[in-house]
Amino acid sequence: MYLLRKKISLWTIAVVALNLVTSQPLGAQEATDHDTSYYKAYPRHLLGRFYFSRKYTNVVLGAPRNEPRLRYRPNTTLNMGVGATYRGFTLNLAYGFPFLNQNSDRGKTRYLDLQSHLYTRKWSYDFWGQLYKGYYLRSDWLKDLTGDRFYLRPDIGVTLLGFSTYHILQNRTFSYRATFIQDEWQVRSAGSWLIGGEMYYGRVSADSAFVPELIGDGYGQKGVEKLRFMDFGPGIGYAYNWVYQKNLFMGLAATINLNLGFVKESGEGVQHSQITFSPNFIYRATAGYNSEKWTASLSLVGNRVSTSGANTSYNYVISTGNYRATLAYRFLPGKKIKKVLEPLDRLKQ
């Protein structure tokens, strides 16, 4: 099922359910499971947030040196939303208001984007569930050939399903939640090695060849209308939170996976499949301000899944991500709110 220009993010309900499973109990260990001189946790505080976000799933076709890469983009909405976090549980609701989105010349994209990023004390989990239909290609050289600013491809559809998990080795001094969830506060710089793995299933399809007929002769993917792949493999990475005078921070993290996979290309006169070996990347970046009560940040979580073509050395890349600007306030809930939150307190006991 596809949604036309995602309006209310019902996926957040599923995120809450996943948090029920993956969030680490914080009851008796609140003061002992990490070094409080490096970061502070606020499990009994309620954090409310206001944010803007935009998700995307791009498809990039590799090209010879003398030809430009073809980058197909979806016309996704900029969403404005509110959310809350309490004792490790998070709920966000967002809406793509029309006044924020005036890009009708880029065609329409129907999409359901289920990506979710969960951070516990010792582990990070990434879930990818991208269902997209409708893309555009923006290129000055293509405009010279067609006369249009955007080359629209409403027939291109993308499915990407995946999961990754990484163990945070230096979790007593390093906190992902401080920079991405805001219910903790990193007061001293620290980093951590990350060890884990991932797996993906992907499918890209269209009613005609991915490469426009006007330029098809220069690309190894000429004639390909469908691509399917599956890959998996181990990975390693590093994350670091740099803190200046306790309040200002910048966080960077990256992992690389060495994946073994199977890929199949098909189309008019094309039918190829092979086993491939290719690296994938997950990257995170954030910067902002954090304190006892207020926090503000800009963040990006991105993923680059690549696979080699079965009949060409030029690869395909599915690039997904989520940009977000957040303003949040952390406070102890009053008696009335506390009563509403009692079920979450019992789950943490």
C-alpha atoms as a PDB file:
ATOM      1  CA  MET A   1       0.000   0.000   0.000  1.00  0.00           C
ATOM      2  CA  TYR A   2       1.229   3.483  -0.884  1.00  0.00           C
ATOM      3  CA  LEU A   3       0.249   6.801   0.671  1.00  0.00           C
ATOM      4  CA  LEU A   4       0.028   9.964  -1.425  1.00  0.00           C
ATOM      5  CA  ARG A   5       2.495  12.490   0.049  1.00  0.00           C
ATOM      6  CA  LYS A   6       2.618  11.090   3.560  1.00  0.00           C
ATOM      7  CA  LYS A   7       0.386  13.116   5.842  1.00  0.00           C
ATOM      8  CA  ILE A   8       0.203  11.642   9.364  1.00  0.00           C
ATOM      9  CA  SER A   9       2.993   9.256  10.324  1.00  0.00           C
ATOM     10  CA  LEU A  10       1.092   6.236  11.651  1.00  0.00           C
ATOM     11  CA  TRP A  11       4.361   4.333  11.628  1.00  0.00           C
ATOM     12  CA  THR A  12       5.186   6.023  14.922  1.00  0.00           C
ATOM     13  CA  ILE A  13       2.745   3.640  16.618  1.00  0.00           C
ATOM     14  CA  ALA A  14       4.893   0.747  15.458  1.00  0.00           C
ATOM     15  CA  VAL A  15       7.976   2.594  16.689  1.00  0.00           C
ATOM     16  CA  VAL A  16       6.494   2.692  20.173  1.00  0.00           C
ATOM     17  CA  ALA A  17       5.880  -1.061  20.010  1.00  0.00           C
ATOM     18  CA  LEU A  18       9.469  -1.659  18.957  1.00  0.00           C
ATOM     19  CA  ASN A  19      10.671   0.490  21.836  1.00  0.00           C
ATOM     20  CA  LEU A  20       8.765  -1.787  24.198  1.00  0.00           C
ATOM     21  CA  VAL A  21      11.027  -4.598  23.069  1.00  0.00           C
ATOM     22  CA  THR A  22      14.372  -2.885  22.556  1.00  0.00           C
ATOM     23  CA  SER A  23      14.559  -0.179  25.209  1.00  0.00           C
ATOM     24  CA  GLN A  24      16.896  -1.114  28.028  1.00  0.00           C
ATOM     25  CA  PRO A  25      15.354  -1.180  31.536  1.00  0.00           C
ATOM     26  CA  LEU A  26      16.440   1.855  33.479  1.00  0.00           C
ATOM     27  CA  GLY A  27      14.923   1.179  36.888  1.00  0.00           C
ATOM     28  CA  ALA A  28      17.585   0.076  39.367  1.00  0.00           C
ATOM     29  CA  GLN A  29      20.454   0.806  36.962  1.00  0.00           C
ATOM     30  CA  GLU A  30      19.723   4.481  36.312  1.00  0.00           C
ATOM     31  CA  ALA A  31      22.748   5.697  38.265  1.00  0.00           C
ATOM     32  CA  THR A  32      25.135   2.777  37.721  1.00  0.00           C
ATOM     33  CA  ASP A  33      24.998   1.642  34.106  1.00  0.00           C
ATOM     34  CA  HIS A  34      27.067   4.578  32.771  1.00  0.00           C
ATOM     35  CA  ASP A  35      29.669   7.137  33.809  1.00  0.00           C
ATOM     36  CA  THR A  36      27.709  10.220  34.846  1.00  0.00           C
ATOM     37  CA  SER A  37      30.781  12.426  34.419  1.00  0.00           C
ATOM     38  CA  TYR A  38      30.441  11.837  30.647  1.00  0.00           C
ATOM     39  CA  TYR A  39      26.685  11.951  30.168  1.00  0.00           C
ATOM     40  CA  LYS A  40      23.551  12.382  32.238  1.00  0.00           C
ATOM     41  CA  ALA A  41      20.345  10.415  31.790  1.00  0.00           C
ATOM     42  CA  TYR A  42      16.836  11.761  32.458  1.00  0.00           C
ATOM     43  CA  PRO A  43      14.601   8.660  32.441  1.00  0.00           C
ATOM     44  CA  ARG A  44      11.976  10.195  34.742  1.00  0.00           C
ATOM     45  CA  HIS A  45      11.742  13.435  32.787  1.00  0.00           C
ATOM     46  CA  LEU A  46       9.231  13.976  30.006  1.00  0.00           C
ATOM     47  CA  LEU A  47      10.714  15.435  26.851  1.00  0.00           C
ATOM     48  CA  GLY A  48       8.484  17.279  24.412  1.00  0.00           C
ATOM     49  CA  ARG A  49       9.733  18.168  20.944  1.00  0.00           C
ATOM     50  CA  PHE A  50       8.772  20.274  17.957  1.00  0.00           C
ATOM     51  CA  TYR A  51      10.481  19.399  14.693  1.00  0.00           C
ATOM     52  CA  PHE A  52      10.695  19.568  10.921  1.00  0.00           C
ATOM     53  CA  SER A  53      11.776  16.531   8.932  1.00  0.00           C
ATOM     54  CA  ARG A  54      12.104  15.243   5.417  1.00  0.00           C
ATOM     55  CA  LYS A  55      12.710  11.632   4.390  1.00  0.00           C
ATOM     56  CA  TYR A  56      13.932  10.479   0.997  1.00  0.00           C
ATOM     57  CA  THR A  57      14.943   7.426  -1.013  1.00  0.00           C
ATOM     58  CA  ASN A  58      17.036   8.226  -4.087  1.00  0.00           C
ATOM     59  CA  VAL A  59      18.108   5.881  -6.875  1.00  0.00           C
ATOM     60  CA  VAL A  60      21.470   6.542  -8.545  1.00  0.00           C
ATOM     61  CA  LEU A  61      22.770   4.826 -11.682  1.00  0.00           C
ATOM     62  CA  GLY A  62      26.527   4.713 -12.130  1.00  0.00           C
ATOM     63  CA  ALA A  63      28.000   5.919 -15.409  1.00  0.00           C
ATOM     64  CA  PRO A  64      31.204   5.948 -17.476  1.00  0.00           C
ATOM     65  CA  ARG A  65      33.666   8.711 -16.719  1.00  0.00           C
ATOM     66  CA  ASN A  66      32.493  10.872 -19.619  1.00  0.00           C
ATOM     67  CA  GLU A  67      28.797  10.557 -18.713  1.00  0.00           C
ATOM     68  CA  PRO A  68      26.902  12.031 -15.725  1.00  0.00           C
ATOM     69  CA  ARG A  69      25.415   9.764 -13.084  1.00  0.00           C
ATOM     70  CA  LEU A  70      21.631   9.536 -13.184  1.00  0.00           C
ATOM     71  CA  ARG A  71      20.138  10.491  -9.819  1.00  0.00           C
ATOM     72  CA  TYR A  72      16.393   9.869  -9.551  1.00  0.00           C
ATOM     73  CA  ARG A  73      14.762  11.709  -6.640  1.00  0.00           C
ATOM     74  CA  PRO A  74      11.274  11.454  -5.112  1.00  0.00           C
ATOM     75  CA  ASN A  75       9.129  14.510  -4.472  1.00  0.00           C
ATOM     76  CA  THR A  76       8.655  13.963  -0.736  1.00  0.00           C
ATOM     77  CA  THR A  77       7.091  16.386   1.712  1.00  0.00           C
ATOM     78  CA  LEU A  78       8.686  18.563   4.344  1.00  0.00           C
ATOM     79  CA  ASN A  79       6.817  17.581   7.514  1.00  0.00           C
ATOM     80  CA  MET A  80       6.170  19.564  10.677  1.00  0.00           C
ATOM     81  CA  GLY A  81       5.537  17.550  13.816  1.00  0.00           C
ATOM     82  CA  VAL A  82       5.469  17.165  17.565  1.00  0.00           C
ATOM     83  CA  GLY A  83       6.573  14.303  19.759  1.00  0.00           C
ATOM     84  CA  ALA A  84       7.440  13.137  23.254  1.00  0.00           C
ATOM     85  CA  THR A  85       9.898  10.766  24.948  1.00  0.00           C
ATOM     86  CA  TYR A  86       9.510   9.254  28.406  1.00  0.00           C
ATOM     87  CA  ARG A  87      11.604   6.491  30.000  1.00  0.00           C
ATOM     88  CA  GLY A  88      12.915   5.387  26.625  1.00  0.00           C
ATOM     89  CA  PHE A  89       9.555   5.383  24.822  1.00  0.00           C
ATOM     90  CA  THR A  90       9.063   7.799  21.924  1.00  0.00           C
ATOM     91  CA  LEU A  91       5.995   8.892  19.956  1.00  0.00           C
ATOM     92  CA  ASN A  92       6.177  11.367  17.049  1.00  0.00           C
ATOM     93  CA  LEU A  93       3.372  12.695  14.825  1.00  0.00           C
ATOM     94  CA  ALA A  94       4.045  14.787  11.712  1.00  0.00           C
ATOM     95  CA  TYR A  95       2.075  16.351   8.867  1.00  0.00           C
ATOM     96  CA  GLY A  96       3.148  17.667   5.441  1.00  0.00           C
ATOM     97  CA  PHE A  97       1.331  21.004   5.376  1.00  0.00           C
ATOM     98  CA  PRO A  98       0.658  22.400   1.876  1.00  0.00           C
ATOM     99  CA  PHE A  99       2.292  25.763   2.632  1.00  0.00           C
ATOM    100  CA  LEU A 100       5.576  23.936   3.247  1.00  0.00           C
ATOM    101  CA  ASN A 101       5.442  22.006  -0.011  1.00  0.00           C
ATOM    102  CA  GLN A 102       5.154  23.863  -3.333  1.00  0.00           C
ATOM    103  CA  ASN A 103       7.096  21.550  -5.673  1.00  0.00           C
ATOM    104  CA  SER A 104       4.350  20.379  -8.012  1.00  0.00           C
ATOM    105  CA  ASP A 105       6.634  20.754 -11.046  1.00  0.00           C
ATOM    106  CA  ARG A 106       8.622  17.731  -9.818  1.00  0.00           C
ATOM    107  CA  GLY A 107       5.733  15.336 -10.247  1.00  0.00           C
ATOM    108  CA  LYS A 108       3.918  13.315  -7.608  1.00  0.00           C
ATOM    109  CA  THR A 109       5.433  10.674  -5.385  1.00  0.00           C
ATOM    110  CA  ARG A 110       3.313   8.117  -3.562  1.00  0.00           C
ATOM    111  CA  TYR A 111       5.268   6.708  -0.674  1.00  0.00           C
ATOM    112  CA  LEU A 112       5.237   4.950   2.636  1.00  0.00           C
ATOM    113  CA  ASP A 113       8.532   5.478   4.461  1.00  0.00           C
ATOM    114  CA  LEU A 114       8.918   3.266   7.507  1.00  0.00           C
ATOM    115  CA  GLN A 115      12.526   3.958   8.440  1.00  0.00           C
ATOM    116  CA  SER A 116      13.092   3.997  12.174  1.00  0.00           C
ATOM    117  CA  HIS A 117      16.226   4.435  14.287  1.00  0.00           C
ATOM    118  CA  LEU A 118      16.219   3.114  17.849  1.00  0.00           C
ATOM    119  CA  TYR A 119      18.988   3.705  20.374  1.00  0.00           C
ATOM    120  CA  THR A 120      19.381   1.830  23.643  1.00  0.00           C
ATOM    121  CA  ARG A 121      22.283   2.109  26.043  1.00  0.00           C
ATOM    122  CA  LYS A 122      24.321  -0.659  24.385  1.00  0.00           C
ATOM    123  CA  TRP A 123      22.794  -1.097  20.926  1.00  0.00           C
ATOM    124  CA  SER A 124      21.543   0.848  17.929  1.00  0.00           C
ATOM    125  CA  TYR A 125      18.871  -0.553  15.595  1.00  0.00           C
ATOM    126  CA  ASP A 126      17.929   0.709  12.141  1.00  0.00           C
ATOM    127  CA  PHE A 127      14.808  -0.463  10.315  1.00  0.00           C
ATOM    128  CA  TRP A 128      14.310   0.385   6.632  1.00  0.00           C
ATOM    129  CA  GLY A 129      10.944  -0.036   4.944  1.00  0.00           C
ATOM    130  CA  GLN A 130      10.776   2.179   1.848  1.00  0.00           C
ATOM    131  CA  LEU A 131       7.871   1.927  -0.621  1.00  0.00           C
ATOM    132  CA  TYR A 132       8.092   4.674  -3.265  1.00  0.00           C
ATOM    133  CA  LYS A 133       6.427   5.299  -6.632  1.00  0.00           C
ATOM    134  CA  GLY A 134       7.139   8.355  -8.801  1.00  0.00           C
ATOM    135  CA  TYR A 135      10.547   9.983  -9.402  1.00  0.00           C
ATOM    136  CA  TYR A 136      12.135  12.858 -11.273  1.00  0.00           C
ATOM    137  CA  LEU A 137      15.534  13.527 -12.776  1.00  0.00           C
ATOM    138  CA  ARG A 138      17.000  17.021 -12.622  1.00  0.00           C
ATOM    139  CA  SER A 139      19.842  17.797 -15.015  1.00  0.00           C
ATOM    140  CA  ASP A 140      20.878  20.815 -17.057  1.00  0.00           C
ATOM    141  CA  TRP A 141      22.191  18.689 -19.903  1.00  0.00           C
ATOM    142  CA  LEU A 142      18.937  16.715 -20.073  1.00  0.00           C
ATOM    143  CA  LYS A 143      17.010  19.998 -20.168  1.00  0.00           C
ATOM    144  CA  ASP A 144      18.929  20.929 -23.302  1.00  0.00           C
ATOM    145  CA  LEU A 145      17.664  17.719 -24.931  1.00  0.00           C
ATOM    146  CA  THR A 146      14.041  17.707 -23.740  1.00  0.00           C
ATOM    147  CA  GLY A 147      13.324  21.375 -22.999  1.00  0.00           C
ATOM    148  CA  ASP A 148      11.934  20.509 -19.543  1.00  0.00           C
ATOM    149  CA  ARG A 149      13.519  21.427 -16.227  1.00  0.00           C
ATOM    150  CA  PHE A 150      12.605  18.047 -14.711  1.00  0.00           C
ATOM    151  CA  TYR A 151      12.419  14.683 -16.429  1.00  0.00           C
ATOM    152  CA  LEU A 152       9.468  12.955 -14.733  1.00  0.00           C
ATOM    153  CA  ARG A 153       9.274   9.197 -14.234  1.00  0.00           C
ATOM    154  CA  PRO A 154       5.970   8.389 -12.486  1.00  0.00           C
ATOM    155  CA  ASP A 155       6.458   4.722 -13.454  1.00  0.00           C
ATOM    156  CA  ILE A 156       9.610   4.115 -11.380  1.00  0.00           C
ATOM    157  CA  GLY A 157       8.925   2.265  -8.137  1.00  0.00           C
ATOM    158  CA  VAL A 158      11.329   1.370  -5.332  1.00  0.00           C
ATOM    159  CA  THR A 159      11.066  -1.128  -2.500  1.00  0.00           C
ATOM    160  CA  LEU A 160      13.799  -1.389   0.129  1.00  0.00           C
ATOM    161  CA  LEU A 161      13.453  -3.566   3.231  1.00  0.00           C
ATOM    162  CA  GLY A 162      16.326  -3.868   5.644  1.00  0.00           C
ATOM    163  CA  PHE A 163      17.620  -4.133   9.170  1.00  0.00           C
ATOM    164  CA  SER A 164      20.921  -3.277  10.836  1.00  0.00           C
ATOM    165  CA  THR A 165      22.132  -3.518  14.406  1.00  0.00           C
ATOM    166  CA  TYR A 166      25.353  -2.372  16.063  1.00  0.00           C
ATOM    167  CA  HIS A 167      26.796  -2.903  19.511  1.00  0.00           C
ATOM    168  CA  ILE A 168      28.091   0.295  21.153  1.00  0.00           C
ATOM    169  CA  LEU A 169      31.288  -0.921  22.837  1.00  0.00           C
ATOM    170  CA  GLN A 170      32.099   2.194  24.915  1.00  0.00           C
ATOM    171  CA  ASN A 171      28.508   2.693  26.087  1.00  0.00           C
ATOM    172  CA  ARG A 172      29.475   3.818  29.602  1.00  0.00           C
ATOM    173  CA  THR A 173      30.927   7.063  28.250  1.00  0.00           C
ATOM    174  CA  PHE A 174      29.261   7.521  24.853  1.00  0.00           C
ATOM    175  CA  SER A 175      25.545   8.204  24.272  1.00  0.00           C
ATOM    176  CA  TYR A 176      23.660   8.120  20.950  1.00  0.00           C
ATOM    177  CA  ARG A 177      20.493   9.163  22.758  1.00  0.00           C
ATOM    178  CA  ALA A 178      22.028  12.460  23.886  1.00  0.00           C
ATOM    179  CA  THR A 179      22.406  13.694  20.303  1.00  0.00           C
ATOM    180  CA  PHE A 180      19.530  11.960  18.473  1.00  0.00           C
ATOM    181  CA  ILE A 181      16.754  11.421  21.069  1.00  0.00           C
ATOM    182  CA  GLN A 182      17.644  14.254  23.506  1.00  0.00           C
ATOM    183  CA  ASP A 183      16.619  12.420  26.691  1.00  0.00           C
ATOM    184  CA  GLU A 184      20.286  12.325  27.777  1.00  0.00           C
ATOM    185  CA  TRP A 185      22.986  15.000  27.957  1.00  0.00           C
ATOM    186  CA  GLN A 186      26.575  14.350  26.839  1.00  0.00           C
ATOM    187  CA  VAL A 187      28.699  16.747  28.920  1.00  0.00           C
ATOM    188  CA  ARG A 188      32.172  15.453  27.960  1.00  0.00           C
ATOM    189  CA  SER A 189      33.483  14.375  24.579  1.00  0.00           C
ATOM    190  CA  ALA A 190      33.564  10.622  23.991  1.00  0.00           C
ATOM    191  CA  GLY A 191      33.476   8.041  21.225  1.00  0.00           C
ATOM    192  CA  SER A 192      32.851   4.347  20.690  1.00  0.00           C
ATOM    193  CA  TRP A 193      33.650   1.553  18.270  1.00  0.00           C
ATOM    194  CA  LEU A 194      30.606  -0.098  16.693  1.00  0.00           C
ATOM    195  CA  ILE A 195      30.364  -3.759  15.655  1.00  0.00           C
ATOM    196  CA  GLY A 196      27.354  -5.362  13.994  1.00  0.00           C
ATOM    197  CA  GLY A 197      25.769  -6.301  10.693  1.00  0.00           C
ATOM    198  CA  GLU A 198      22.911  -5.715   8.274  1.00  0.00           C
ATOM    199  CA  MET A 199      20.722  -7.298   5.614  1.00  0.00           C
ATOM    200  CA  TYR A 200      18.592  -5.872   2.774  1.00  0.00           C
ATOM    201  CA  TYR A 201      16.120  -6.779   0.069  1.00  0.00           C
ATOM    202  CA  GLY A 202      15.638  -4.271  -2.723  1.00  0.00           C
ATOM    203  CA  ARG A 203      13.611  -3.896  -5.902  1.00  0.00           C
ATOM    204  CA  VAL A 204      13.523  -1.117  -8.518  1.00  0.00           C
ATOM    205  CA  SER A 205      11.088  -1.389 -11.433  1.00  0.00           C
ATOM    206  CA  ALA A 206       9.687   0.744 -14.249  1.00  0.00           C
ATOM    207  CA  ASP A 207       7.475   0.455 -17.332  1.00  0.00           C
ATOM    208  CA  SER A 208      10.442   1.292 -19.566  1.00  0.00           C
ATOM    209  CA  ALA A 209      14.236   1.424 -19.271  1.00  0.00           C
ATOM    210  CA  PHE A 210      15.755   3.308 -16.328  1.00  0.00           C
ATOM    211  CA  VAL A 211      18.091   5.156 -18.717  1.00  0.00           C
ATOM    212  CA  PRO A 212      16.266   7.628 -21.020  1.00  0.00           C
ATOM    213  CA  GLU A 213      16.321   6.498 -24.639  1.00  0.00           C
ATOM    214  CA  LEU A 214      17.905   9.794 -25.747  1.00  0.00           C
ATOM    215  CA  ILE A 215      21.115   8.980 -23.860  1.00  0.00           C
ATOM    216  CA  GLY A 216      20.881   5.196 -23.516  1.00  0.00           C
ATOM    217  CA  ASP A 217      23.869   4.346 -25.720  1.00  0.00           C
ATOM    218  CA  GLY A 218      26.329   5.760 -23.190  1.00  0.00           C
ATOM    219  CA  TYR A 219      25.239   3.612 -20.235  1.00  0.00           C
ATOM    220  CA  GLY A 220      25.846  -0.030 -19.348  1.00  0.00           C
ATOM    221  CA  GLN A 221      22.339  -0.257 -17.845  1.00  0.00           C
ATOM    222  CA  LYS A 222      20.744   0.353 -21.241  1.00  0.00           C
ATOM    223  CA  GLY A 223      17.482  -1.582 -21.557  1.00  0.00           C
ATOM    224  CA  VAL A 224      17.239  -2.545 -17.856  1.00  0.00           C
ATOM    225  CA  GLU A 225      13.698  -2.092 -16.519  1.00  0.00           C
ATOM    226  CA  LYS A 226      13.804  -4.154 -13.320  1.00  0.00           C
ATOM    227  CA  LEU A 227      16.419  -4.698 -10.646  1.00  0.00           C
ATOM    228  CA  ARG A 228      16.204  -7.053  -7.675  1.00  0.00           C
ATOM    229  CA  PHE A 229      18.860  -7.752  -5.071  1.00  0.00           C
ATOM    230  CA  MET A 230      19.411  -9.237  -1.644  1.00  0.00           C
ATOM    231  CA  ASP A 231      22.553  -8.841   0.436  1.00  0.00           C
ATOM    232  CA  PHE A 232      23.872  -9.228   3.964  1.00  0.00           C
ATOM    233  CA  GLY A 233      27.138  -8.971   5.827  1.00  0.00           C
ATOM    234  CA  PRO A 234      29.085  -7.839   8.902  1.00  0.00           C
ATOM    235  CA  GLY A 235      30.161  -4.281   9.587  1.00  0.00           C
ATOM    236  CA  ILE A 236      32.303  -2.077  11.758  1.00  0.00           C
ATOM    237  CA  GLY A 237      32.288   1.632  12.495  1.00  0.00           C
ATOM    238  CA  TYR A 238      33.021   4.451  14.889  1.00  0.00           C
ATOM    239  CA  ALA A 239      30.947   7.194  16.528  1.00  0.00           C
ATOM    240  CA  TYR A 240      32.099  10.302  18.350  1.00  0.00           C
ATOM    241  CA  ASN A 241      30.347  13.096  20.248  1.00  0.00           C
ATOM    242  CA  TRP A 242      32.423  16.254  20.484  1.00  0.00           C
ATOM    243  CA  VAL A 243      31.308  18.596  23.308  1.00  0.00           C
ATOM    244  CA  TYR A 244      32.332  22.215  23.836  1.00  0.00           C
ATOM    245  CA  GLN A 245      31.777  23.717  27.300  1.00  0.00           C
ATOM    246  CA  LYS A 246      29.102  21.095  28.082  1.00  0.00           C
ATOM    247  CA  ASN A 247      26.346  22.708  26.005  1.00  0.00           C
ATOM    248  CA  LEU A 248      27.445  22.754  22.359  1.00  0.00           C
ATOM    249  CA  PHE A 249      27.897  19.437  20.612  1.00  0.00           C
ATOM    250  CA  MET A 250      28.611  17.805  17.292  1.00  0.00           C
ATOM    251  CA  GLY A 251      28.166  14.090  16.664  1.00  0.00           C
ATOM    252  CA  LEU A 252      29.493  12.017  13.766  1.00  0.00           C
ATOM    253  CA  ALA A 253      29.167   8.285  13.152  1.00  0.00           C
ATOM    254  CA  ALA A 254      29.770   5.963  10.218  1.00  0.00           C
ATOM    255  CA  THR A 255      29.748   2.216   9.630  1.00  0.00           C
ATOM    256  CA  ILE A 256      30.889   0.201   6.638  1.00  0.00           C
ATOM    257  CA  ASN A 257      29.485  -3.217   5.756  1.00  0.00           C
ATOM    258  CA  LEU A 258      31.104  -5.744   3.461  1.00  0.00           C
ATOM    259  CA  ASN A 259      28.056  -7.417   1.967  1.00  0.00           C
ATOM    260  CA  LEU A 260      27.626 -10.540  -0.098  1.00  0.00           C
ATOM    261  CA  GLY A 261      24.549 -10.453  -2.312  1.00  0.00           C
ATOM    262  CA  PHE A 262      22.560 -11.667  -5.268  1.00  0.00           C
ATOM    263  CA  VAL A 263      21.427  -9.288  -8.032  1.00  0.00           C
ATOM    264  CA  LYS A 264      19.170  -9.764 -11.057  1.00  0.00           C
ATOM    265  CA  GLU A 265      18.571  -7.324 -13.923  1.00  0.00           C
ATOM    266  CA  SER A 266      15.822  -7.737 -16.504  1.00  0.00           C
ATOM    267  CA  GLY A 267      14.203  -5.800 -19.312  1.00  0.00           C
ATOM    268  CA  GLU A 268      13.694  -5.796 -23.057  1.00  0.00           C
ATOM    269  CA  GLY A 269      16.401  -8.130 -24.324  1.00  0.00           C
ATOM    270  CA  VAL A 270      18.054  -8.143 -20.872  1.00  0.00           C
ATOM    271  CA  GLN A 271      18.158 -11.024 -18.400  1.00  0.00           C
ATOM    272  CA  HIS A 272      21.214 -11.244 -16.161  1.00  0.00           C
ATOM    273  CA  SER A 273      21.933 -12.377 -12.597  1.00  0.00           C
ATOM    274  CA  GLN A 274      25.054 -12.867 -10.514  1.00  0.00           C
ATOM    275  CA  ILE A 275      26.504 -12.973  -7.018  1.00  0.00           C
ATOM    276  CA  THR A 276      28.046  -9.661  -5.999  1.00  0.00           C
ATOM    277  CA  PHE A 277      30.283  -8.230  -3.303  1.00  0.00           C
ATOM    278  CA  SER A 278      29.881  -4.555  -2.424  1.00  0.00           C
ATOM    279  CA  PRO A 279      30.322  -2.172   0.545  1.00  0.00           C
ATOM    280  CA  ASN A 280      27.379  -0.341   2.143  1.00  0.00           C
ATOM    281  CA  PHE A 281      27.466   2.664   4.452  1.00  0.00           C
ATOM    282  CA  ILE A 282      25.330   4.049   7.269  1.00  0.00           C
ATOM    283  CA  TYR A 283      26.200   7.562   8.399  1.00  0.00           C
ATOM    284  CA  ARG A 284      24.910   9.959  11.048  1.00  0.00           C
ATOM    285  CA  ALA A 285      25.626  13.611  11.720  1.00  0.00           C
ATOM    286  CA  THR A 286      24.177  16.028  14.232  1.00  0.00           C
ATOM    287  CA  ALA A 287      25.008  19.346  15.862  1.00  0.00           C
ATOM    288  CA  GLY A 288      23.309  21.615  18.343  1.00  0.00           C
ATOM    289  CA  TYR A 289      22.796  22.739  21.913  1.00  0.00           C
ATOM    290  CA  ASN A 290      21.953  20.658  24.988  1.00  0.00           C
ATOM    291  CA  SER A 291      21.320  21.594  28.636  1.00  0.00           C
ATOM    292  CA  GLU A 292      19.349  20.533  31.707  1.00  0.00           C
ATOM    293  CA  LYS A 293      16.054  21.613  30.101  1.00  0.00           C
ATOM    294  CA  TRP A 294      16.432  22.837  26.535  1.00  0.00           C
ATOM    295  CA  THR A 295      17.939  21.165  23.498  1.00  0.00           C
ATOM    296  CA  ALA A 296      18.067  22.146  19.828  1.00  0.00           C
ATOM    297  CA  SER A 297      19.685  20.199  17.004  1.00  0.00           C
ATOM    298  CA  LEU A 298      20.058  19.543  13.293  1.00  0.00           C
ATOM    299  CA  SER A 299      20.551  15.909  12.326  1.00  0.00           C
ATOM    300  CA  LEU A 300      20.868  13.537   9.406  1.00  0.00           C
ATOM    301  CA  VAL A 301      20.712   9.746   9.377  1.00  0.00           C
ATOM    302  CA  GLY A 302      21.552   8.263   5.994  1.00  0.00           C
ATOM    303  CA  ASN A 303      22.104   4.907   4.367  1.00  0.00           C
ATOM    304  CA  ARG A 304      23.877   4.007   1.120  1.00  0.00           C
ATOM    305  CA  VAL A 305      23.042   0.567  -0.267  1.00  0.00           C
ATOM    306  CA  SER A 306      24.882  -0.319  -3.462  1.00  0.00           C
ATOM    307  CA  THR A 307      25.010  -3.301  -5.770  1.00  0.00           C
ATOM    308  CA  SER A 308      26.948  -3.997  -8.957  1.00  0.00           C
ATOM    309  CA  GLY A 309      25.051  -4.536 -12.173  1.00  0.00           C
ATOM    310  CA  ALA A 310      24.802  -8.124 -13.371  1.00  0.00           C
ATOM    311  CA  ASN A 311      25.857  -7.266 -16.927  1.00  0.00           C
ATOM    312  CA  THR A 312      27.882  -4.087 -16.353  1.00  0.00           C
ATOM    313  CA  SER A 313      30.579  -2.806 -14.033  1.00  0.00           C
ATOM    314  CA  TYR A 314      28.523   0.308 -13.236  1.00  0.00           C
ATOM    315  CA  ASN A 315      26.611   0.070 -10.001  1.00  0.00           C
ATOM    316  CA  TYR A 316      23.198   1.000  -8.639  1.00  0.00           C
ATOM    317  CA  VAL A 317      22.893   2.939  -5.397  1.00  0.00           C
ATOM    318  CA  ILE A 318      19.776   3.327  -3.256  1.00  0.00           C
ATOM    319  CA  SER A 319      20.361   6.227  -0.899  1.00  0.00           C
ATOM    320  CA  THR A 320      17.915   6.783   1.962  1.00  0.00           C
ATOM    321  CA  GLY A 321      17.882   9.350   4.712  1.00  0.00           C
ATOM    322  CA  ASN A 322      16.055  11.576   7.158  1.00  0.00           C
ATOM    323  CA  TYR A 323      16.871  15.252   7.752  1.00  0.00           C
ATOM    324  CA  ARG A 324      15.534  16.736  10.968  1.00  0.00           C
ATOM    325  CA  ALA A 325      15.563  20.068  12.844  1.00  0.00           C
ATOM    326  CA  THR A 326      14.418  19.705  16.472  1.00  0.00           C
ATOM    327  CA  LEU A 327      13.640  21.966  19.402  1.00  0.00           C
ATOM    328  CA  ALA A 328      12.886  20.093  22.652  1.00  0.00           C
ATOM    329  CA  TYR A 329      12.166  20.805  26.316  1.00  0.00           C
ATOM    330  CA  ARG A 330      12.841  18.390  29.185  1.00  0.00           C
ATOM    331  CA  PHE A 331      10.857  18.570  32.459  1.00  0.00           C
ATOM    332  CA  LEU A 332       9.526  16.491  35.352  1.00  0.00           C
ATOM    333  CA  PRO A 333       5.822  15.719  34.744  1.00  0.00           C
ATOM    334  CA  GLY A 334       3.214  16.916  37.228  1.00  0.00           C
ATOM    335  CA  LYS A 335       0.770  14.699  39.102  1.00  0.00           C
ATOM    336  CA  LYS A 336      -1.880  14.624  36.377  1.00  0.00           C
ATOM    337  CA  ILE A 337       0.579  13.804  33.603  1.00  0.00           C
ATOM    338  CA  LYS A 338       2.379  11.358  35.872  1.00  0.00           C
ATOM    339  CA  LYS A 339      -0.846   9.413  36.347  1.00  0.00           C
ATOM    340  CA  VAL A 340      -1.227   9.073  32.565  1.00  0.00           C
ATOM    341  CA  LEU A 341       2.356   7.822  32.319  1.00  0.00           C
ATOM    342  CA  GLU A 342       2.029   5.204  35.088  1.00  0.00           C
ATOM    343  CA  PRO A 343       1.756   2.246  32.620  1.00  0.00           C
ATOM    344  CA  LEU A 344       5.207   3.133  31.258  1.00  0.00           C
ATOM    345  CA  ASP A 345       6.599   3.354  34.785  1.00  0.00           C
ATOM    346  CA  ARG A 346       5.332  -0.153  35.533  1.00  0.00           C
ATOM    347  CA  LEU A 347       6.948  -1.511  32.376  1.00  0.00           C
ATOM    348  CA  LYS A 348      10.318  -0.174  33.532  1.00  0.00           C
ATOM    349  CA  GLN A 349      10.105  -1.702  36.987  1.00  0.00           C
END
